[in-house]
Amino acid sequence: MKSTLIIVGVVLVMAAIIAGAIWKFRAIAQAEAEADATVMTPYLELLQQGKAEEAWEKYTTPAFKARFSREAYARAISALGQEQGSLKSWRRTLCNEISEPGRGTYLRMKYIVTWDKGDRVTTWDVLKLDGGGFAIDASYNVPAGGGLEPAPR
C-alpha cells in the first residue's frame, strides 16, 4: 500500500512538471509569434524600404536609443547597405527567452537575413515592455566562428 502511494505521488509530480513545461513552451511560442509580428517584421520591412530612422524611432527601447543616436544608427544601417546591398528577406531560426536581473525578460531572436551579397546571421534582443508589447533592446552580428558581436542592426 505504501509503495502504491509513493508511485501515485511520483506520477502526479511528473504530470505536474510536464504540464508546467508544456504551458511554458506555449507561452514562449506565443510571445515569439507576437514579437515577430508586431516588432521584428515591421522593423525589418522599414529597413528594407530604406527607413532606418523610422525603424529606430518606432521599434527600439530608450536604452537602445541611448546607446545609438538616431544619426549614428542611420549611418550604421547605411554603411551596412553599402557593404551588403539591398535587404531581400529574412527568416527567424531561433528564439530563446532570457531573464536578467535589472533588465527583465526578453527574447533573443536569431534571424538569417538575406542581402544582395549573401546571408548574414543577426540576433536581436526583444524586450518585453512593462505596459505590454515588445521593443528591440540590442542587436548583434553573429560571426562565422560563433558568439555575439554588438552592432546597431
Protein backbone atom coordinates (compact mmCIF):
# COMPACT_ATOMS: atom_id res chain seq x y z
CA MET A 1 0.00 0.00 0.00
CA LYS A 2 2.78 2.41 0.92
CA SER A 3 4.67 1.74 -2.33
CA THR A 4 1.47 2.32 -4.32
CA LEU A 5 1.05 5.75 -2.70
CA ILE A 6 4.68 6.59 -3.48
CA ILE A 7 4.19 5.58 -7.12
CA VAL A 8 0.98 7.62 -7.37
CA GLY A 9 2.76 10.60 -5.80
CA VAL A 10 5.67 10.33 -8.24
CA VAL A 11 3.27 10.07 -11.21
CA LEU A 12 1.35 13.16 -10.03
CA VAL A 13 4.58 15.16 -9.59
CA MET A 14 5.78 14.09 -13.05
CA ALA A 15 2.43 15.04 -14.59
CA ALA A 16 2.62 18.48 -12.93
CA ILE A 17 6.17 19.01 -14.23
CA ILE A 18 5.17 18.01 -17.76
CA ALA A 19 2.08 20.23 -17.68
CA GLY A 20 4.21 23.16 -16.47
CA ALA A 21 6.76 22.61 -19.24
CA ILE A 22 4.03 22.48 -21.88
CA TRP A 23 2.47 25.68 -20.52
CA LYS A 24 5.88 27.46 -20.53
CA PHE A 25 6.65 26.29 -24.08
CA ARG A 26 3.28 27.59 -25.32
CA ALA A 27 3.76 30.93 -23.56
CA ILE A 28 7.20 31.40 -25.15
CA ALA A 29 5.88 30.38 -28.59
CA GLN A 30 3.04 32.90 -28.25
CA ALA A 31 5.44 35.69 -27.16
CA GLU A 32 7.79 34.81 -30.03
CA ALA A 33 4.98 35.00 -32.60
CA GLU A 34 3.73 38.30 -31.14
CA ALA A 35 7.22 39.87 -31.08
CA ASP A 36 7.87 38.73 -34.64
CA ALA A 37 4.55 40.08 -35.94
CA THR A 38 4.47 43.37 -34.02
CA VAL A 39 8.15 44.35 -33.90
CA MET A 40 10.59 42.34 -35.99
CA THR A 41 8.66 42.04 -39.24
CA PRO A 42 7.60 45.72 -39.40
CA TYR A 43 11.09 46.79 -38.25
CA LEU A 44 12.81 44.76 -40.98
CA GLU A 45 10.26 45.95 -43.55
CA LEU A 46 11.16 49.55 -42.71
CA LEU A 47 14.86 48.77 -43.09
CA GLN A 48 14.09 47.10 -46.42
CA GLN A 49 12.32 50.30 -47.52
CA GLY A 50 15.31 52.44 -46.51
CA LYS A 51 13.50 53.94 -43.49
CA ALA A 52 16.12 53.27 -40.80
CA GLU A 53 15.28 56.36 -38.74
CA GLU A 54 11.60 55.40 -38.58
CA ALA A 55 12.54 51.84 -37.58
CA TRP A 56 14.78 53.24 -34.82
CA GLU A 57 12.01 55.55 -33.60
CA LYS A 58 9.14 53.03 -33.59
CA TYR A 59 10.73 49.74 -32.57
CA THR A 60 13.66 50.33 -30.20
CA THR A 61 13.81 50.86 -26.45
CA PRO A 62 15.02 54.05 -24.77
CA ALA A 63 18.18 52.13 -23.72
CA PHE A 64 18.89 51.21 -27.36
CA LYS A 65 18.35 54.85 -28.35
CA ALA A 66 20.77 55.95 -25.61
CA ARG A 67 23.47 53.62 -27.00
CA PHE A 68 22.88 54.56 -30.64
CA SER A 69 21.65 58.02 -31.57
CA ARG A 70 19.25 58.28 -34.50
CA GLU A 71 22.04 59.68 -36.68
CA ALA A 72 24.63 57.05 -35.66
CA TYR A 73 22.10 54.30 -36.22
CA ALA A 74 21.10 55.62 -39.66
CA ARG A 75 24.81 55.86 -40.62
CA ALA A 76 25.44 52.27 -39.47
CA ILE A 77 22.45 50.94 -41.43
CA SER A 78 23.50 52.93 -44.49
CA ALA A 79 27.05 51.53 -44.25
CA LEU A 80 25.62 48.01 -43.93
CA GLY A 81 23.55 48.59 -47.06
CA GLN A 82 26.59 49.86 -48.96
CA GLU A 83 28.55 46.79 -47.85
CA GLN A 84 25.82 44.16 -48.36
CA GLY A 85 23.48 45.68 -50.97
CA SER A 86 19.69 45.65 -50.61
CA LEU A 87 17.89 43.79 -47.87
CA LYS A 88 15.98 40.99 -49.62
CA SER A 89 14.40 38.76 -46.97
CA TRP A 90 14.75 37.28 -43.51
CA ARG A 91 13.70 34.24 -41.58
CA ARG A 92 13.75 33.52 -37.87
CA THR A 93 15.78 30.48 -36.95
CA LEU A 94 15.84 30.52 -33.16
CA CYS A 95 14.25 32.22 -30.19
CA ASN A 96 15.13 31.88 -26.51
CA GLU A 97 13.52 33.58 -23.54
CA ILE A 98 16.09 35.06 -21.16
CA SER A 99 15.60 36.79 -17.80
CA GLU A 100 18.29 39.04 -16.35
CA PRO A 101 18.19 40.98 -13.09
CA GLY A 102 17.91 44.67 -13.86
CA ARG A 103 16.98 44.08 -17.50
CA GLY A 104 13.89 41.94 -17.22
CA THR A 105 12.70 39.25 -19.57
CA TYR A 106 13.50 39.38 -23.25
CA LEU A 107 13.51 37.20 -26.31
CA ARG A 108 16.83 36.60 -28.06
CA MET A 109 15.68 36.23 -31.66
CA LYS A 110 18.10 34.95 -34.30
CA TYR A 111 17.47 35.56 -38.00
CA ILE A 112 19.15 34.72 -41.27
CA VAL A 113 18.99 37.99 -43.16
CA THR A 114 19.47 37.81 -46.93
CA TRP A 115 21.13 40.73 -48.70
CA ASP A 116 22.15 41.14 -52.33
CA LYS A 117 25.62 39.90 -51.42
CA GLY A 118 24.55 36.92 -49.33
CA ASP A 119 23.22 35.84 -45.97
CA ARG A 120 24.17 37.22 -42.58
CA VAL A 121 23.12 35.91 -39.20
CA THR A 122 21.85 38.66 -36.91
CA THR A 123 20.42 38.39 -33.42
CA TRP A 124 18.15 40.88 -31.70
CA ASP A 125 17.18 41.09 -28.02
CA VAL A 126 13.49 41.97 -27.98
CA LEU A 127 12.45 43.23 -24.57
CA LYS A 128 9.02 42.57 -23.06
CA LEU A 129 7.77 46.02 -22.07
CA ASP A 130 6.11 46.64 -18.71
CA GLY A 131 2.99 48.10 -20.30
CA GLY A 132 2.72 45.24 -22.78
CA GLY A 133 4.24 44.75 -26.18
CA PHE A 134 7.87 44.46 -27.20
CA ALA A 135 10.77 46.61 -28.44
CA ILE A 136 14.31 45.96 -29.69
CA ASP A 137 16.83 46.47 -26.90
CA ALA A 138 20.04 45.20 -28.53
CA SER A 139 21.34 43.76 -31.78
CA TYR A 140 24.33 41.61 -32.64
CA ASN A 141 26.24 40.28 -35.60
CA VAL A 142 26.90 36.57 -35.33
CA PRO A 143 30.41 35.98 -36.72
CA ALA A 144 31.20 32.74 -38.58
CA GLY A 145 33.06 31.39 -35.54
CA GLY A 146 30.06 31.95 -33.27
CA GLY A 147 29.45 34.29 -30.37
CA LEU A 148 27.71 37.67 -30.41
CA GLU A 149 29.24 40.93 -31.59
CA PRO A 150 27.21 44.01 -30.51
CA ALA A 151 26.24 46.15 -33.50
CA PRO A 152 23.47 48.54 -34.46
CA ARG A 153 21.33 46.44 -36.79
